[in-house]
Amino acid sequence: MSALLEARGLRVTYGGVVAVEGLDLTVPEGSVVGLIGPNGAGKTSAIDALTGYHPAAAGSVLFDGNDITRLRPHWRARAGLGRTFQSVELFDDLTVRENLQVAADHVGVGRALRDLFGPRRPTPREGVDWALGLCDLEDEADQDPRRLSAGRRKLVGVARALAQRPRLVLLDEPAAGLDTDESHELGERLRTMPAAGVSVLLVDHDMSLVLGVCDEIYVLDFGKLIARGTPAEIRENPAVISAYLGGAEVGADA
């Protein structure tokens, strides 16, 4: 499979603090790749740098072979790079469908001027309907998000990132706060995405989820990559067991 996203020697700093050091990471097109590590390992910092929300101090980021290291987040999104955030901030005064529509509606200067001085054109709904279907949210499309369970709200957050029809979506802790059944449902949704044309970079602490859905997993500790491999290889890796779970078998109690 060809590389869709590549980080080469990625370094992320905050003042004098190094959050990520020399990260090489590849997400092949049509895959689900995991990025794990203990709290403070640099996972979210890596996602922020990959999506442009924090500048890389060194290294480069390539998307579909193009260098996007200096592009702003909205330009990366338009190129096909989507993301979610740890906190699912939905608009509770909008329906589920309307939450997705806000994300799908690309409002540029030209579009804003046309809407201001000319007849307003209907907004295309294909991306919204596609995302609702992919996340199995059609039945809740017209509901108030406050009526949904935590698991369904998380899926709305994922669907909102998908409404722009990205080629790759970076998911930051999508299973946080979910029970076992909800996490399992999320995993089933994630496994369908590559077949629908969306590759996934997954960051999560739910080891059952990560080991169950990912084709390959990268492990960070103190900002440095300590392991890379298949779920089976990561489960048995001594450095991962020591750094991530303090000696317990990876995934044993997940």
C-alpha atoms as a PDB file:
ATOM      1  CA  MET A   1       0.000   0.000   0.000  1.00  0.00           C
ATOM      2  CA  SER A   2       1.246   3.484  -0.804  1.00  0.00           C
ATOM      3  CA  ALA A   3       1.988   5.940   1.984  1.00  0.00           C
ATOM      4  CA  LEU A   4      -0.804   8.461   2.509  1.00  0.00           C
ATOM      5  CA  LEU A   5       0.674  10.278   5.516  1.00  0.00           C
ATOM      6  CA  GLU A   6       4.333  10.410   6.474  1.00  0.00           C
ATOM      7  CA  ALA A   7       6.143  12.099   9.340  1.00  0.00           C
ATOM      8  CA  ARG A   8       9.900  12.313   8.930  1.00  0.00           C
ATOM      9  CA  GLY A   9      12.033  13.267  11.909  1.00  0.00           C
ATOM     10  CA  LEU A  10       9.102  15.128  13.483  1.00  0.00           C
ATOM     11  CA  ARG A  11      10.059  17.249  16.492  1.00  0.00           C
ATOM     12  CA  VAL A  12       7.493  19.103  18.603  1.00  0.00           C
ATOM     13  CA  THR A  13       8.428  21.546  21.347  1.00  0.00           C
ATOM     14  CA  TYR A  14       6.626  23.843  23.768  1.00  0.00           C
ATOM     15  CA  GLY A  15       9.113  26.477  24.847  1.00  0.00           C
ATOM     16  CA  GLY A  16      12.067  24.507  26.125  1.00  0.00           C
ATOM     17  CA  VAL A  17      10.098  21.270  26.571  1.00  0.00           C
ATOM     18  CA  VAL A  18      10.463  18.591  23.900  1.00  0.00           C
ATOM     19  CA  ALA A  19       7.160  16.735  23.495  1.00  0.00           C
ATOM     20  CA  VAL A  20       8.058  14.633  20.433  1.00  0.00           C
ATOM     21  CA  GLU A  21      11.576  13.877  19.235  1.00  0.00           C
ATOM     22  CA  GLY A  22      12.502  12.490  15.821  1.00  0.00           C
ATOM     23  CA  LEU A  23       9.242  10.680  15.058  1.00  0.00           C
ATOM     24  CA  ASP A  24       9.087   8.690  11.809  1.00  0.00           C
ATOM     25  CA  LEU A  25       5.560   7.485  11.149  1.00  0.00           C
ATOM     26  CA  THR A  26       3.727   6.211   8.075  1.00  0.00           C
ATOM     27  CA  VAL A  27       0.017   5.643   7.505  1.00  0.00           C
ATOM     28  CA  PRO A  28      -0.501   3.580   4.347  1.00  0.00           C
ATOM     29  CA  GLU A  29      -3.618   4.284   2.334  1.00  0.00           C
ATOM     30  CA  GLY A  30      -6.429   1.876   3.230  1.00  0.00           C
ATOM     31  CA  SER A  31      -5.121   1.092   6.727  1.00  0.00           C
ATOM     32  CA  VAL A  32      -5.896   1.667  10.391  1.00  0.00           C
ATOM     33  CA  VAL A  33      -2.728   2.635  12.278  1.00  0.00           C
ATOM     34  CA  GLY A  34      -2.488   3.053  16.044  1.00  0.00           C
ATOM     35  CA  LEU A  35      -0.382   5.508  18.055  1.00  0.00           C
ATOM     36  CA  ILE A  36      -0.200   4.626  21.741  1.00  0.00           C
ATOM     37  CA  GLY A  37       1.810   5.385  24.845  1.00  0.00           C
ATOM     38  CA  PRO A  38       1.384   6.367  28.500  1.00  0.00           C
ATOM     39  CA  ASN A  39       0.009   9.747  29.550  1.00  0.00           C
ATOM     40  CA  GLY A  40       2.387  12.513  28.532  1.00  0.00           C
ATOM     41  CA  ALA A  41       4.106  10.400  25.873  1.00  0.00           C
ATOM     42  CA  GLY A  42       3.467  13.001  23.171  1.00  0.00           C
ATOM     43  CA  LYS A  43       0.579  11.415  21.260  1.00  0.00           C
ATOM     44  CA  THR A  44      -1.701  14.455  21.079  1.00  0.00           C
ATOM     45  CA  SER A  45       1.310  16.694  20.432  1.00  0.00           C
ATOM     46  CA  ALA A  46       2.116  14.512  17.431  1.00  0.00           C
ATOM     47  CA  ILE A  47      -1.467  14.765  16.130  1.00  0.00           C
ATOM     48  CA  ASP A  48      -1.438  18.541  16.623  1.00  0.00           C
ATOM     49  CA  ALA A  49       1.742  18.809  14.557  1.00  0.00           C
ATOM     50  CA  LEU A  50       0.470  16.447  11.856  1.00  0.00           C
ATOM     51  CA  THR A  51      -2.733  18.455  11.448  1.00  0.00           C
ATOM     52  CA  GLY A  52      -1.157  21.903  11.758  1.00  0.00           C
ATOM     53  CA  TYR A  53      -2.564  22.948  15.121  1.00  0.00           C
ATOM     54  CA  HIS A  54       0.970  23.254  16.511  1.00  0.00           C
ATOM     55  CA  PRO A  55       4.041  23.970  14.374  1.00  0.00           C
ATOM     56  CA  ALA A  56       6.702  21.327  14.001  1.00  0.00           C
ATOM     57  CA  ALA A  57      10.052  22.472  15.401  1.00  0.00           C
ATOM     58  CA  ALA A  58      11.843  20.170  12.961  1.00  0.00           C
ATOM     59  CA  GLY A  59      11.133  17.444  10.472  1.00  0.00           C
ATOM     60  CA  SER A  60       8.503  17.253   7.775  1.00  0.00           C
ATOM     61  CA  VAL A  61       4.939  16.060   7.192  1.00  0.00           C
ATOM     62  CA  LEU A  62       3.913  14.679   3.811  1.00  0.00           C
ATOM     63  CA  PHE A  63       0.364  13.938   2.697  1.00  0.00           C
ATOM     64  CA  ASP A  64      -0.127  11.961  -0.494  1.00  0.00           C
ATOM     65  CA  GLY A  65       3.471  12.779  -1.396  1.00  0.00           C
ATOM     66  CA  ASN A  66       3.091  16.534  -0.926  1.00  0.00           C
ATOM     67  CA  ASP A  67       4.929  18.478   1.777  1.00  0.00           C
ATOM     68  CA  ILE A  68       2.280  20.046   4.049  1.00  0.00           C
ATOM     69  CA  THR A  69       4.610  20.901   6.942  1.00  0.00           C
ATOM     70  CA  ARG A  70       3.891  24.640   6.739  1.00  0.00           C
ATOM     71  CA  LEU A  71       0.229  24.499   5.764  1.00  0.00           C
ATOM     72  CA  ARG A  72      -2.413  25.833   8.137  1.00  0.00           C
ATOM     73  CA  PRO A  73      -4.987  23.383   9.564  1.00  0.00           C
ATOM     74  CA  HIS A  74      -7.810  24.396   7.212  1.00  0.00           C
ATOM     75  CA  TRP A  75      -5.641  23.841   4.151  1.00  0.00           C
ATOM     76  CA  ARG A  76      -4.661  20.399   5.425  1.00  0.00           C
ATOM     77  CA  ALA A  77      -8.342  19.656   5.992  1.00  0.00           C
ATOM     78  CA  ARG A  78      -9.139  20.697   2.431  1.00  0.00           C
ATOM     79  CA  ALA A  79      -6.358  18.407   1.203  1.00  0.00           C
ATOM     80  CA  GLY A  80      -8.185  15.503   2.883  1.00  0.00           C
ATOM     81  CA  LEU A  81      -6.722  15.358   6.398  1.00  0.00           C
ATOM     82  CA  GLY A  82      -9.395  15.336   9.125  1.00  0.00           C
ATOM     83  CA  ARG A  83      -9.235  14.966  12.889  1.00  0.00           C
ATOM     84  CA  THR A  84     -11.227  14.735  16.092  1.00  0.00           C
ATOM     85  CA  PHE A  85     -10.389  16.135  19.530  1.00  0.00           C
ATOM     86  CA  GLN A  86     -10.423  14.477  22.937  1.00  0.00           C
ATOM     87  CA  SER A  87     -13.341  16.613  24.077  1.00  0.00           C
ATOM     88  CA  VAL A  88     -16.476  16.090  22.001  1.00  0.00           C
ATOM     89  CA  GLU A  89     -17.896  19.611  21.828  1.00  0.00           C
ATOM     90  CA  LEU A  90     -21.197  19.238  19.997  1.00  0.00           C
ATOM     91  CA  PHE A  91     -23.662  22.044  19.335  1.00  0.00           C
ATOM     92  CA  ASP A  92     -26.488  20.899  21.581  1.00  0.00           C
ATOM     93  CA  ASP A  93     -28.916  23.427  20.108  1.00  0.00           C
ATOM     94  CA  LEU A  94     -28.484  21.757  16.686  1.00  0.00           C
ATOM     95  CA  THR A  95     -29.552  18.318  15.557  1.00  0.00           C
ATOM     96  CA  VAL A  96     -27.023  15.599  14.835  1.00  0.00           C
ATOM     97  CA  ARG A  97     -27.376  16.258  11.102  1.00  0.00           C
ATOM     98  CA  GLU A  98     -26.915  19.998  11.600  1.00  0.00           C
ATOM     99  CA  ASN A  99     -23.754  19.379  13.647  1.00  0.00           C
ATOM    100  CA  LEU A 100     -22.323  17.508  10.686  1.00  0.00           C
ATOM    101  CA  GLN A 101     -23.540  20.144   8.252  1.00  0.00           C
ATOM    102  CA  VAL A 102     -21.594  22.857  10.084  1.00  0.00           C
ATOM    103  CA  ALA A 103     -18.419  20.831   9.661  1.00  0.00           C
ATOM    104  CA  ALA A 104     -19.128  20.007   6.019  1.00  0.00           C
ATOM    105  CA  ASP A 105     -19.879  23.566   4.968  1.00  0.00           C
ATOM    106  CA  HIS A 106     -16.655  25.039   3.505  1.00  0.00           C
ATOM    107  CA  VAL A 107     -17.181  28.783   3.856  1.00  0.00           C
ATOM    108  CA  GLY A 108     -14.514  30.749   2.006  1.00  0.00           C
ATOM    109  CA  VAL A 109     -14.429  34.408   1.009  1.00  0.00           C
ATOM    110  CA  GLY A 110     -15.888  33.701  -2.412  1.00  0.00           C
ATOM    111  CA  ARG A 111     -18.707  31.600  -0.983  1.00  0.00           C
ATOM    112  CA  ALA A 112     -19.498  34.225   1.656  1.00  0.00           C
ATOM    113  CA  LEU A 113     -19.698  37.018  -0.960  1.00  0.00           C
ATOM    114  CA  ARG A 114     -21.931  34.953  -3.216  1.00  0.00           C
ATOM    115  CA  ASP A 115     -24.270  34.253  -0.302  1.00  0.00           C
ATOM    116  CA  LEU A 116     -24.274  37.923   0.696  1.00  0.00           C
ATOM    117  CA  PHE A 117     -25.003  39.447  -2.713  1.00  0.00           C
ATOM    118  CA  GLY A 118     -26.692  36.644  -4.574  1.00  0.00           C
ATOM    119  CA  PRO A 119     -29.301  33.953  -4.013  1.00  0.00           C
ATOM    120  CA  ARG A 120     -28.182  31.456  -1.418  1.00  0.00           C
ATOM    121  CA  ARG A 121     -27.524  28.069  -2.912  1.00  0.00           C
ATOM    122  CA  PRO A 122     -28.505  24.872  -1.103  1.00  0.00           C
ATOM    123  CA  THR A 123     -25.574  23.255   0.689  1.00  0.00           C
ATOM    124  CA  PRO A 124     -24.592  19.844  -0.698  1.00  0.00           C
ATOM    125  CA  ARG A 125     -25.602  17.064   1.692  1.00  0.00           C
ATOM    126  CA  GLU A 126     -23.733  14.159   0.158  1.00  0.00           C
ATOM    127  CA  GLY A 127     -20.874  14.259   2.668  1.00  0.00           C
ATOM    128  CA  VAL A 128     -23.230  14.542   5.631  1.00  0.00           C
ATOM    129  CA  ASP A 129     -25.440  11.667   4.491  1.00  0.00           C
ATOM    130  CA  TRP A 130     -22.366   9.555   3.731  1.00  0.00           C
ATOM    131  CA  ALA A 131     -20.865  10.195   7.189  1.00  0.00           C
ATOM    132  CA  LEU A 132     -24.172   9.435   8.922  1.00  0.00           C
ATOM    133  CA  GLY A 133     -24.371   6.137   7.084  1.00  0.00           C
ATOM    134  CA  LEU A 134     -20.759   5.189   7.727  1.00  0.00           C
ATOM    135  CA  CYS A 135     -21.212   5.766  11.475  1.00  0.00           C
ATOM    136  CA  ASP A 136     -24.677   4.143  11.550  1.00  0.00           C
ATOM    137  CA  LEU A 137     -26.314   7.355  12.765  1.00  0.00           C
ATOM    138  CA  GLU A 138     -29.174   7.711  10.282  1.00  0.00           C
ATOM    139  CA  ASP A 139     -31.818   6.972  12.920  1.00  0.00           C
ATOM    140  CA  GLU A 140     -30.438   9.712  15.191  1.00  0.00           C
ATOM    141  CA  ALA A 141     -29.873  12.294  12.438  1.00  0.00           C
ATOM    142  CA  ASP A 142     -32.698  14.596  13.548  1.00  0.00           C
ATOM    143  CA  GLN A 143     -32.265  14.119  17.284  1.00  0.00           C
ATOM    144  CA  ASP A 144     -30.971  16.491  19.930  1.00  0.00           C
ATOM    145  CA  PRO A 145     -27.390  15.316  20.749  1.00  0.00           C
ATOM    146  CA  ARG A 146     -28.149  15.656  24.476  1.00  0.00           C
ATOM    147  CA  ARG A 147     -30.482  12.662  24.195  1.00  0.00           C
ATOM    148  CA  LEU A 148     -27.721  10.370  22.966  1.00  0.00           C
ATOM    149  CA  SER A 149     -25.535   8.057  25.025  1.00  0.00           C
ATOM    150  CA  ALA A 150     -21.861   8.855  25.505  1.00  0.00           C
ATOM    151  CA  GLY A 151     -20.967   6.275  22.881  1.00  0.00           C
ATOM    152  CA  ARG A 152     -23.326   7.707  20.283  1.00  0.00           C
ATOM    153  CA  ARG A 153     -22.092  11.249  20.993  1.00  0.00           C
ATOM    154  CA  LYS A 154     -18.543  10.044  20.341  1.00  0.00           C
ATOM    155  CA  LEU A 155     -19.694   8.602  17.033  1.00  0.00           C
ATOM    156  CA  VAL A 156     -21.259  11.956  16.154  1.00  0.00           C
ATOM    157  CA  GLY A 157     -17.856  13.537  16.786  1.00  0.00           C
ATOM    158  CA  VAL A 158     -16.246  11.002  14.439  1.00  0.00           C
ATOM    159  CA  ALA A 159     -18.994  11.526  11.841  1.00  0.00           C
ATOM    160  CA  ARG A 160     -18.481  15.280  12.019  1.00  0.00           C
ATOM    161  CA  ALA A 161     -14.816  14.793  11.091  1.00  0.00           C
ATOM    162  CA  LEU A 162     -15.919  12.543   8.217  1.00  0.00           C
ATOM    163  CA  ALA A 163     -18.506  14.956   6.819  1.00  0.00           C
ATOM    164  CA  GLN A 164     -15.839  16.695   4.721  1.00  0.00           C
ATOM    165  CA  ARG A 165     -15.024  13.337   3.095  1.00  0.00           C
ATOM    166  CA  PRO A 166     -11.371  13.179   4.240  1.00  0.00           C
ATOM    167  CA  ARG A 167      -8.976  10.577   2.909  1.00  0.00           C
ATOM    168  CA  LEU A 168      -7.440  10.217   6.375  1.00  0.00           C
ATOM    169  CA  VAL A 169      -8.925  10.930   9.791  1.00  0.00           C
ATOM    170  CA  LEU A 170      -6.856  11.238  12.984  1.00  0.00           C
ATOM    171  CA  LEU A 171      -8.868  10.174  16.027  1.00  0.00           C
ATOM    172  CA  ASP A 172      -7.713  11.457  19.417  1.00  0.00           C
ATOM    173  CA  GLU A 173      -9.049   9.247  22.242  1.00  0.00           C
ATOM    174  CA  PRO A 174     -12.426   8.443  20.621  1.00  0.00           C
ATOM    175  CA  ALA A 175     -13.127   5.649  23.136  1.00  0.00           C
ATOM    176  CA  ALA A 176     -12.462   7.722  26.278  1.00  0.00           C
ATOM    177  CA  GLY A 177     -15.378   7.293  28.687  1.00  0.00           C
ATOM    178  CA  LEU A 178     -17.039   4.498  26.721  1.00  0.00           C
ATOM    179  CA  ASP A 179     -18.100   1.183  28.216  1.00  0.00           C
ATOM    180  CA  THR A 180     -17.055  -2.157  26.702  1.00  0.00           C
ATOM    181  CA  ASP A 181     -20.068  -2.467  24.397  1.00  0.00           C
ATOM    182  CA  GLU A 182     -19.731   1.114  23.155  1.00  0.00           C
ATOM    183  CA  SER A 183     -16.014   0.641  22.507  1.00  0.00           C
ATOM    184  CA  HIS A 184     -16.762  -2.551  20.579  1.00  0.00           C
ATOM    185  CA  GLU A 185     -19.326  -0.710  18.459  1.00  0.00           C
ATOM    186  CA  LEU A 186     -16.797   2.038  17.766  1.00  0.00           C
ATOM    187  CA  GLY A 187     -14.256  -0.567  16.708  1.00  0.00           C
ATOM    188  CA  GLU A 188     -16.707  -2.074  14.243  1.00  0.00           C
ATOM    189  CA  ARG A 189     -17.258   1.369  12.700  1.00  0.00           C
ATOM    190  CA  LEU A 190     -13.505   2.009  12.438  1.00  0.00           C
ATOM    191  CA  ARG A 191     -12.855  -1.247  10.609  1.00  0.00           C
ATOM    192  CA  THR A 192     -15.350  -0.298   7.881  1.00  0.00           C
ATOM    193  CA  MET A 193     -13.677   3.015   7.102  1.00  0.00           C
ATOM    194  CA  PRO A 194     -10.757   1.885   4.886  1.00  0.00           C
ATOM    195  CA  ALA A 195     -13.198   0.087   2.588  1.00  0.00           C
ATOM    196  CA  ALA A 196     -15.126   3.369   2.349  1.00  0.00           C
ATOM    197  CA  GLY A 197     -11.982   5.231   1.310  1.00  0.00           C
ATOM    198  CA  VAL A 198     -10.941   6.642   4.704  1.00  0.00           C
ATOM    199  CA  SER A 199      -7.674   5.635   6.336  1.00  0.00           C
ATOM    200  CA  VAL A 200      -7.356   6.043  10.116  1.00  0.00           C
ATOM    201  CA  LEU A 201      -4.683   7.081  12.602  1.00  0.00           C
ATOM    202  CA  LEU A 202      -6.031   6.080  16.020  1.00  0.00           C
ATOM    203  CA  VAL A 203      -4.788   7.367  19.380  1.00  0.00           C
ATOM    204  CA  ASP A 204      -6.433   5.690  22.351  1.00  0.00           C
ATOM    205  CA  HIS A 205      -5.801   4.127  25.748  1.00  0.00           C
ATOM    206  CA  ASP A 206      -8.325   1.324  25.164  1.00  0.00           C
ATOM    207  CA  MET A 207      -5.893  -1.455  24.323  1.00  0.00           C
ATOM    208  CA  SER A 208      -8.604  -3.919  23.351  1.00  0.00           C
ATOM    209  CA  LEU A 209      -9.799  -1.413  20.767  1.00  0.00           C
ATOM    210  CA  VAL A 210      -6.323  -0.575  19.443  1.00  0.00           C
ATOM    211  CA  LEU A 211      -5.122  -4.176  19.302  1.00  0.00           C
ATOM    212  CA  GLY A 212      -8.390  -5.277  17.741  1.00  0.00           C
ATOM    213  CA  VAL A 213      -8.684  -2.800  14.867  1.00  0.00           C
ATOM    214  CA  CYS A 214      -5.187  -1.642  13.920  1.00  0.00           C
ATOM    215  CA  ASP A 215      -3.020  -3.076  11.151  1.00  0.00           C
ATOM    216  CA  GLU A 216       0.115  -1.538  12.668  1.00  0.00           C
ATOM    217  CA  ILE A 217       0.885   0.235  15.937  1.00  0.00           C
ATOM    218  CA  TYR A 218       3.476   2.843  16.916  1.00  0.00           C
ATOM    219  CA  VAL A 219       4.419   3.275  20.574  1.00  0.00           C
ATOM    220  CA  LEU A 220       5.715   6.515  22.092  1.00  0.00           C
ATOM    221  CA  ASP A 221       7.334   6.973  25.491  1.00  0.00           C
ATOM    222  CA  PHE A 222       8.631  10.371  26.660  1.00  0.00           C
ATOM    223  CA  GLY A 223       8.204  11.667  23.114  1.00  0.00           C
ATOM    224  CA  LYS A 224      10.347   8.999  21.470  1.00  0.00           C
ATOM    225  CA  LEU A 225       9.323   6.026  19.383  1.00  0.00           C
ATOM    226  CA  ILE A 226      10.153   2.826  21.271  1.00  0.00           C
ATOM    227  CA  ALA A 227       8.343   0.241  19.160  1.00  0.00           C
ATOM    228  CA  ARG A 228       6.526  -0.309  15.880  1.00  0.00           C
ATOM    229  CA  GLY A 229       4.809  -3.468  14.722  1.00  0.00           C
ATOM    230  CA  THR A 230       1.684  -5.522  14.286  1.00  0.00           C
ATOM    231  CA  PRO A 231      -0.717  -5.879  17.240  1.00  0.00           C
ATOM    232  CA  ALA A 232       0.750  -9.327  17.982  1.00  0.00           C
ATOM    233  CA  GLU A 233       4.291  -7.934  17.997  1.00  0.00           C
ATOM    234  CA  ILE A 234       3.349  -4.973  20.180  1.00  0.00           C
ATOM    235  CA  ARG A 235       1.517  -7.188  22.670  1.00  0.00           C
ATOM    236  CA  GLU A 236       4.700  -9.182  23.275  1.00  0.00           C
ATOM    237  CA  ASN A 237       7.259  -6.368  23.046  1.00  0.00           C
ATOM    238  CA  PRO A 238       9.210  -6.127  26.353  1.00  0.00           C
ATOM    239  CA  ALA A 239       9.883  -2.390  25.973  1.00  0.00           C
ATOM    240  CA  VAL A 240       6.169  -1.706  25.450  1.00  0.00           C
ATOM    241  CA  ILE A 241       5.152  -3.889  28.373  1.00  0.00           C
ATOM    242  CA  SER A 242       7.609  -2.102  30.647  1.00  0.00           C
ATOM    243  CA  ALA A 243       6.945   1.447  29.500  1.00  0.00           C
ATOM    244  CA  TYR A 244       3.228   1.323  28.873  1.00  0.00           C
ATOM    245  CA  LEU A 245       1.874  -1.019  31.518  1.00  0.00           C
ATOM    246  CA  GLY A 246       4.674  -1.325  34.031  1.00  0.00           C
ATOM    247  CA  GLY A 247       5.249  -5.014  33.497  1.00  0.00           C
ATOM    248  CA  ALA A 248       1.678  -6.239  32.867  1.00  0.00           C
ATOM    249  CA  GLU A 249       0.913  -7.978  29.604  1.00  0.00           C
ATOM    250  CA  VAL A 250      -0.332  -5.498  27.028  1.00  0.00           C
ATOM    251  CA  GLY A 251      -4.077  -5.829  26.632  1.00  0.00           C
ATOM    252  CA  ALA A 252      -4.387  -8.383  29.417  1.00  0.00           C
ATOM    253  CA  ASP A 253      -6.841  -6.329  31.469  1.00  0.00           C
ATOM    254  CA  ALA A 254      -8.193  -4.118  28.708  1.00  0.00           C
END
